[in-house]
């Protein structure tokens, strides 16, 4: 910003793989809002704690994640899913479909149907 660059994306970590660290999603959401950036939460590990909202210590760990534009979630990490299973959740309806169509996704990936996004 000081050099005239415009940020477009803020990434919050919710449960790092090595240390289990959680970023302050509320603080990062304020920054994202101030600069009109997309807020993504890497919840590969920590998004599973959203299922325990309202219970300490999970409530304090997940506070602010609801403000994210998108959240990635690996269900195999804490939920006992036997195979790798990942999800990308987005609060904006049609966003993922539009992203696939933007770069002529239907031409690059003719096997995809609208149901895939």
N, C-alpha and C. Protein backbone atom coordinates (compact mmCIF):
# COMPACT_ATOMS: atom_id res chain seq x y z
N UNK A 1 0.83 -1.18 0.00
CA UNK A 1 0.00 0.00 0.00
C UNK A 1 0.88 1.25 0.00
N UNK A 2 1.93 1.22 0.80
CA UNK A 2 2.83 2.37 0.86
C UNK A 2 3.49 2.65 -0.48
N UNK A 3 3.70 1.59 -1.27
CA UNK A 3 4.35 1.72 -2.58
C UNK A 3 3.35 1.88 -3.72
N UNK A 4 2.08 2.11 -3.37
CA UNK A 4 1.06 2.29 -4.40
C UNK A 4 0.43 1.00 -4.88
N UNK A 5 0.77 -0.12 -4.26
CA UNK A 5 0.17 -1.39 -4.64
C UNK A 5 -1.20 -1.52 -3.98
N UNK A 6 -2.10 -2.21 -4.64
CA UNK A 6 -3.44 -2.41 -4.11
C UNK A 6 -3.63 -3.87 -3.74
N UNK A 7 -3.89 -4.15 -2.48
CA UNK A 7 -4.13 -5.55 -2.09
C UNK A 7 -5.50 -6.00 -2.60
N UNK A 8 -5.64 -7.29 -2.85
CA UNK A 8 -6.93 -7.82 -3.30
C UNK A 8 -7.39 -9.00 -2.46
N UNK A 9 -6.52 -9.50 -1.56
CA UNK A 9 -6.77 -10.78 -0.91
C UNK A 9 -6.13 -10.78 0.47
N UNK A 10 -6.88 -11.23 1.47
CA UNK A 10 -6.34 -11.42 2.81
C UNK A 10 -6.58 -12.87 3.18
N UNK A 11 -5.54 -13.55 3.65
CA UNK A 11 -5.66 -14.96 4.02
C UNK A 11 -5.48 -15.12 5.51
N UNK A 12 -6.42 -15.79 6.14
CA UNK A 12 -6.33 -16.11 7.56
C UNK A 12 -6.12 -17.61 7.70
N UNK A 13 -5.28 -18.00 8.63
CA UNK A 13 -5.04 -19.41 8.90
C UNK A 13 -5.84 -19.82 10.13
N UNK A 14 -6.60 -20.89 9.99
CA UNK A 14 -7.38 -21.42 11.10
C UNK A 14 -6.90 -22.83 11.39
N UNK A 15 -5.87 -22.91 12.21
CA UNK A 15 -5.32 -24.21 12.58
C UNK A 15 -4.20 -24.65 11.67
N UNK A 16 -3.03 -24.06 11.84
CA UNK A 16 -1.89 -24.46 11.00
C UNK A 16 -1.54 -25.92 11.28
N UNK A 17 -1.04 -26.59 10.26
CA UNK A 17 -0.77 -28.02 10.36
C UNK A 17 0.28 -28.36 11.41
N UNK A 18 1.34 -27.58 11.49
CA UNK A 18 2.44 -27.91 12.41
C UNK A 18 2.13 -27.50 13.84
N UNK A 19 1.72 -26.24 14.05
CA UNK A 19 1.55 -25.72 15.41
C UNK A 19 0.10 -25.59 15.84
N UNK A 20 -0.84 -25.74 14.91
CA UNK A 20 -2.25 -25.57 15.26
C UNK A 20 -2.63 -24.13 15.52
N UNK A 21 -1.86 -23.19 14.99
CA UNK A 21 -2.07 -21.76 15.25
C UNK A 21 -3.30 -21.24 14.51
N UNK A 22 -4.00 -20.31 15.16
CA UNK A 22 -5.17 -19.65 14.60
C UNK A 22 -4.91 -18.16 14.51
N UNK A 23 -5.15 -17.58 13.33
CA UNK A 23 -5.08 -16.13 13.18
C UNK A 23 -6.34 -15.50 13.79
N UNK A 24 -6.26 -14.23 14.12
CA UNK A 24 -7.40 -13.47 14.62
C UNK A 24 -8.25 -13.07 13.41
N UNK A 25 -9.28 -13.85 13.14
CA UNK A 25 -10.10 -13.61 11.94
C UNK A 25 -10.86 -12.29 12.02
N UNK A 26 -11.26 -11.87 13.23
CA UNK A 26 -11.94 -10.58 13.35
C UNK A 26 -11.03 -9.44 12.92
N UNK A 27 -9.78 -9.46 13.38
CA UNK A 27 -8.83 -8.40 13.02
C UNK A 27 -8.55 -8.41 11.52
N UNK A 28 -8.39 -9.59 10.94
CA UNK A 28 -8.12 -9.67 9.51
C UNK A 28 -9.35 -9.29 8.69
N UNK A 29 -10.54 -9.57 9.22
CA UNK A 29 -11.78 -9.17 8.53
C UNK A 29 -11.88 -7.65 8.47
N UNK A 30 -11.46 -6.97 9.54
CA UNK A 30 -11.47 -5.50 9.54
C UNK A 30 -10.53 -4.95 8.48
N UNK A 31 -9.35 -5.56 8.36
CA UNK A 31 -8.38 -5.12 7.34
C UNK A 31 -8.95 -5.37 5.95
N UNK A 32 -9.52 -6.54 5.75
CA UNK A 32 -10.10 -6.87 4.44
C UNK A 32 -11.22 -5.90 4.08
N UNK A 33 -12.04 -5.57 5.05
CA UNK A 33 -13.14 -4.63 4.79
C UNK A 33 -12.60 -3.23 4.49
N UNK A 34 -11.61 -2.80 5.25
CA UNK A 34 -11.05 -1.46 5.05
C UNK A 34 -10.51 -1.29 3.64
N UNK A 35 -9.84 -2.32 3.12
CA UNK A 35 -9.22 -2.23 1.80
C UNK A 35 -10.04 -2.92 0.70
N UNK A 36 -11.26 -3.32 1.05
CA UNK A 36 -12.17 -3.96 0.10
C UNK A 36 -11.53 -5.19 -0.54
N UNK A 37 -10.98 -6.04 0.31
CA UNK A 37 -10.31 -7.26 -0.14
C UNK A 37 -11.18 -8.48 0.14
N UNK A 38 -10.90 -9.52 -0.58
CA UNK A 38 -11.49 -10.83 -0.35
C UNK A 38 -10.81 -11.43 0.88
N UNK A 39 -11.60 -11.95 1.81
CA UNK A 39 -11.05 -12.63 2.99
C UNK A 39 -11.26 -14.13 2.84
N UNK A 40 -10.16 -14.85 2.77
CA UNK A 40 -10.21 -16.32 2.70
C UNK A 40 -9.65 -16.89 4.00
N UNK A 41 -10.32 -17.90 4.53
CA UNK A 41 -9.83 -18.60 5.70
C UNK A 41 -9.35 -19.98 5.27
N UNK A 42 -8.07 -20.24 5.50
CA UNK A 42 -7.54 -21.58 5.29
C UNK A 42 -7.91 -22.38 6.53
N UNK A 43 -9.05 -23.02 6.44
CA UNK A 43 -9.57 -23.80 7.57
C UNK A 43 -9.38 -25.28 7.36
N UNK A 44 -8.34 -25.65 6.60
CA UNK A 44 -8.10 -27.06 6.31
C UNK A 44 -8.20 -27.90 7.59
N UNK A 45 -7.61 -27.41 8.65
CA UNK A 45 -7.67 -28.11 9.94
C UNK A 45 -8.77 -27.53 10.82
N UNK A 46 -8.80 -26.22 10.98
CA UNK A 46 -9.63 -25.58 11.99
C UNK A 46 -11.09 -25.38 11.66
N UNK A 47 -11.49 -25.49 10.39
CA UNK A 47 -12.91 -25.28 10.06
C UNK A 47 -13.79 -26.33 10.73
N UNK A 48 -13.25 -27.48 11.03
CA UNK A 48 -14.04 -28.51 11.73
C UNK A 48 -14.52 -28.03 13.09
N UNK A 49 -13.79 -27.10 13.69
CA UNK A 49 -14.19 -26.57 14.99
C UNK A 49 -15.46 -25.73 14.90
N UNK A 50 -15.85 -25.32 13.69
CA UNK A 50 -17.10 -24.58 13.53
C UNK A 50 -18.29 -25.43 13.97
N UNK A 51 -18.14 -26.74 13.90
CA UNK A 51 -19.22 -27.63 14.32
C UNK A 51 -19.43 -27.60 15.83
N UNK A 52 -18.47 -27.04 16.56
CA UNK A 52 -18.56 -26.96 18.03
C UNK A 52 -18.71 -25.51 18.49
N UNK A 53 -19.22 -24.63 17.62
CA UNK A 53 -19.40 -23.22 18.01
C UNK A 53 -20.26 -23.14 19.26
N UNK A 54 -19.94 -22.19 20.11
CA UNK A 54 -20.66 -22.02 21.37
C UNK A 54 -20.01 -22.76 22.52
N UNK A 55 -19.04 -23.60 22.22
CA UNK A 55 -18.33 -24.36 23.25
C UNK A 55 -16.90 -23.85 23.33
N UNK A 56 -16.43 -23.57 24.54
CA UNK A 56 -15.03 -23.18 24.69
C UNK A 56 -14.17 -24.42 24.65
N UNK A 57 -12.98 -24.39 24.10
CA UNK A 57 -12.27 -23.24 23.55
C UNK A 57 -12.56 -23.01 22.07
N UNK A 58 -13.42 -23.83 21.48
CA UNK A 58 -13.63 -23.76 20.03
C UNK A 58 -14.27 -22.45 19.60
N UNK A 59 -15.15 -21.91 20.42
CA UNK A 59 -15.82 -20.67 20.07
C UNK A 59 -14.81 -19.54 19.88
N UNK A 60 -13.85 -19.45 20.78
CA UNK A 60 -12.86 -18.37 20.66
C UNK A 60 -11.92 -18.61 19.48
N UNK A 61 -11.66 -19.85 19.13
CA UNK A 61 -10.78 -20.14 18.00
C UNK A 61 -11.43 -19.80 16.67
N UNK A 62 -12.73 -19.97 16.58
CA UNK A 62 -13.42 -19.79 15.30
C UNK A 62 -14.08 -18.41 15.17
N UNK A 63 -13.99 -17.59 16.19
CA UNK A 63 -14.63 -16.27 16.16
C UNK A 63 -14.12 -15.45 14.97
N UNK A 64 -15.04 -14.94 14.19
CA UNK A 64 -14.70 -14.12 13.03
C UNK A 64 -14.65 -14.89 11.72
N UNK A 65 -14.62 -16.22 11.78
CA UNK A 65 -14.57 -17.00 10.54
C UNK A 65 -15.83 -16.81 9.70
N UNK A 66 -16.93 -16.45 10.36
CA UNK A 66 -18.19 -16.25 9.64
C UNK A 66 -18.14 -15.02 8.72
N UNK A 67 -17.14 -14.18 8.88
CA UNK A 67 -16.99 -12.98 8.06
C UNK A 67 -16.23 -13.25 6.76
N UNK A 68 -15.72 -14.45 6.60
CA UNK A 68 -14.90 -14.79 5.43
C UNK A 68 -15.74 -14.84 4.16
N UNK A 69 -15.11 -14.48 3.06
CA UNK A 69 -15.74 -14.64 1.75
C UNK A 69 -15.67 -16.10 1.31
N UNK A 70 -14.60 -16.78 1.73
CA UNK A 70 -14.45 -18.20 1.41
C UNK A 70 -13.66 -18.90 2.51
N UNK A 71 -13.92 -20.19 2.62
CA UNK A 71 -13.22 -21.03 3.61
C UNK A 71 -12.89 -22.36 2.94
N UNK A 72 -11.65 -22.79 3.09
CA UNK A 72 -11.29 -24.14 2.65
C UNK A 72 -11.36 -25.05 3.87
N UNK A 73 -11.74 -26.32 3.63
CA UNK A 73 -11.98 -27.24 4.75
C UNK A 73 -11.59 -28.64 4.31
N UNK A 74 -10.70 -29.27 5.05
CA UNK A 74 -10.31 -30.66 4.78
C UNK A 74 -10.99 -31.56 5.80
N UNK A 75 -12.05 -32.21 5.38
CA UNK A 75 -12.85 -33.00 6.29
C UNK A 75 -12.13 -34.25 6.78
N UNK A 76 -11.11 -34.68 6.06
CA UNK A 76 -10.38 -35.88 6.47
C UNK A 76 -9.42 -35.62 7.64
N UNK A 77 -9.15 -34.36 7.97
CA UNK A 77 -8.15 -34.07 9.00
C UNK A 77 -8.67 -34.30 10.41
N UNK A 78 -9.91 -33.92 10.71
CA UNK A 78 -10.42 -34.08 12.07
C UNK A 78 -11.74 -34.85 12.15
N UNK A 79 -12.38 -35.09 11.04
CA UNK A 79 -13.70 -35.70 11.09
C UNK A 79 -13.70 -37.19 10.78
N UNK A 80 -12.53 -37.76 10.60
CA UNK A 80 -12.45 -39.21 10.41
C UNK A 80 -12.86 -39.69 9.03
N UNK A 81 -12.93 -38.81 8.06
CA UNK A 81 -13.24 -39.23 6.70
C UNK A 81 -12.04 -40.03 6.20
N UNK A 82 -12.25 -41.27 5.73
CA UNK A 82 -11.12 -42.15 5.43
C UNK A 82 -10.27 -41.76 4.22
N UNK A 83 -10.81 -41.01 3.29
CA UNK A 83 -10.06 -40.58 2.12
C UNK A 83 -9.95 -39.07 2.15
N UNK A 84 -9.00 -38.54 1.38
CA UNK A 84 -8.88 -37.08 1.32
C UNK A 84 -10.19 -36.50 0.81
N UNK A 85 -10.69 -35.53 1.55
CA UNK A 85 -11.96 -34.90 1.21
C UNK A 85 -11.85 -33.43 1.56
N UNK A 86 -11.91 -32.58 0.57
CA UNK A 86 -11.77 -31.14 0.79
C UNK A 86 -12.97 -30.41 0.21
N UNK A 87 -13.27 -29.26 0.82
CA UNK A 87 -14.37 -28.43 0.35
C UNK A 87 -13.91 -26.98 0.31
N UNK A 88 -14.43 -26.24 -0.64
CA UNK A 88 -14.23 -24.80 -0.70
C UNK A 88 -15.62 -24.19 -0.59
N UNK A 89 -15.85 -23.49 0.51
CA UNK A 89 -17.14 -22.87 0.77
C UNK A 89 -17.04 -21.38 0.46
N UNK A 90 -18.03 -20.86 -0.22
CA UNK A 90 -18.01 -19.46 -0.63
C UNK A 90 -19.35 -18.82 -0.28
N UNK A 91 -19.30 -17.64 0.31
CA UNK A 91 -20.53 -16.97 0.74
C UNK A 91 -21.28 -16.30 -0.42
N UNK A 92 -20.66 -16.14 -1.55
CA UNK A 92 -21.27 -15.42 -2.67
C UNK A 92 -21.87 -16.41 -3.67
N UNK A 93 -23.19 -16.46 -3.78
CA UNK A 93 -23.84 -17.40 -4.70
C UNK A 93 -23.34 -17.20 -6.13
N UNK A 94 -23.05 -18.29 -6.79
CA UNK A 94 -22.62 -18.24 -8.19
C UNK A 94 -21.17 -17.88 -8.41
N UNK A 95 -20.44 -17.58 -7.36
CA UNK A 95 -19.05 -17.13 -7.50
C UNK A 95 -18.16 -18.21 -8.12
N UNK A 96 -18.27 -19.43 -7.65
CA UNK A 96 -17.40 -20.49 -8.17
C UNK A 96 -17.75 -20.81 -9.62
N UNK A 97 -19.02 -20.81 -9.94
CA UNK A 97 -19.44 -21.05 -11.32
C UNK A 97 -18.90 -19.95 -12.23
N UNK A 98 -19.01 -18.71 -11.80
CA UNK A 98 -18.51 -17.59 -12.60
C UNK A 98 -16.99 -17.67 -12.78
N UNK A 99 -16.28 -18.11 -11.76
CA UNK A 99 -14.83 -18.23 -11.85
C UNK A 99 -14.44 -19.27 -12.90
N UNK A 100 -15.19 -20.36 -12.99
CA UNK A 100 -14.90 -21.39 -13.99
C UNK A 100 -15.20 -20.88 -15.39
N UNK A 101 -16.22 -20.07 -15.52
CA UNK A 101 -16.62 -19.59 -16.84
C UNK A 101 -15.76 -18.43 -17.33
N UNK A 102 -15.14 -17.71 -16.42
CA UNK A 102 -14.39 -16.50 -16.75
C UNK A 102 -13.29 -16.76 -17.78
N UNK A 103 -12.53 -17.81 -17.62
CA UNK A 103 -11.41 -18.12 -18.52
C UNK A 103 -11.79 -19.22 -19.51
N UNK A 104 -13.02 -19.17 -19.97
CA UNK A 104 -13.50 -20.17 -20.92
C UNK A 104 -13.32 -21.57 -20.34
N UNK A 105 -13.71 -21.71 -19.08
CA UNK A 105 -13.55 -22.98 -18.38
C UNK A 105 -14.25 -24.13 -19.06
N UNK A 106 -15.39 -23.85 -19.70
CA UNK A 106 -16.10 -24.94 -20.35
C UNK A 106 -15.32 -25.48 -21.54
N UNK A 107 -14.48 -24.64 -22.16
CA UNK A 107 -13.65 -25.10 -23.27
C UNK A 107 -12.43 -25.86 -22.76
N UNK A 108 -11.85 -25.38 -21.66
CA UNK A 108 -10.66 -26.03 -21.11
C UNK A 108 -11.01 -27.34 -20.42
N UNK A 109 -12.20 -27.40 -19.83
CA UNK A 109 -12.64 -28.59 -19.10
C UNK A 109 -14.03 -28.99 -19.57
N UNK A 110 -14.12 -29.55 -20.77
CA UNK A 110 -15.44 -29.87 -21.33
C UNK A 110 -16.21 -30.92 -20.53
N UNK A 111 -15.52 -31.66 -19.66
CA UNK A 111 -16.20 -32.69 -18.89
C UNK A 111 -16.94 -32.12 -17.68
N UNK A 112 -16.69 -30.84 -17.33
CA UNK A 112 -17.35 -30.24 -16.18
C UNK A 112 -18.78 -29.85 -16.52
N UNK A 113 -19.66 -30.10 -15.60
CA UNK A 113 -21.03 -29.62 -15.74
C UNK A 113 -21.26 -28.53 -14.70
N UNK A 114 -22.31 -27.73 -14.83
CA UNK A 114 -22.59 -26.71 -13.82
C UNK A 114 -22.75 -27.30 -12.42
N UNK A 115 -23.09 -28.57 -12.33
CA UNK A 115 -23.24 -29.22 -11.03
C UNK A 115 -21.90 -29.41 -10.32
N UNK A 116 -20.80 -29.37 -11.07
CA UNK A 116 -19.47 -29.53 -10.48
C UNK A 116 -19.06 -28.31 -9.68
N UNK A 117 -19.68 -27.17 -9.90
CA UNK A 117 -19.32 -25.95 -9.19
C UNK A 117 -20.46 -25.53 -8.31
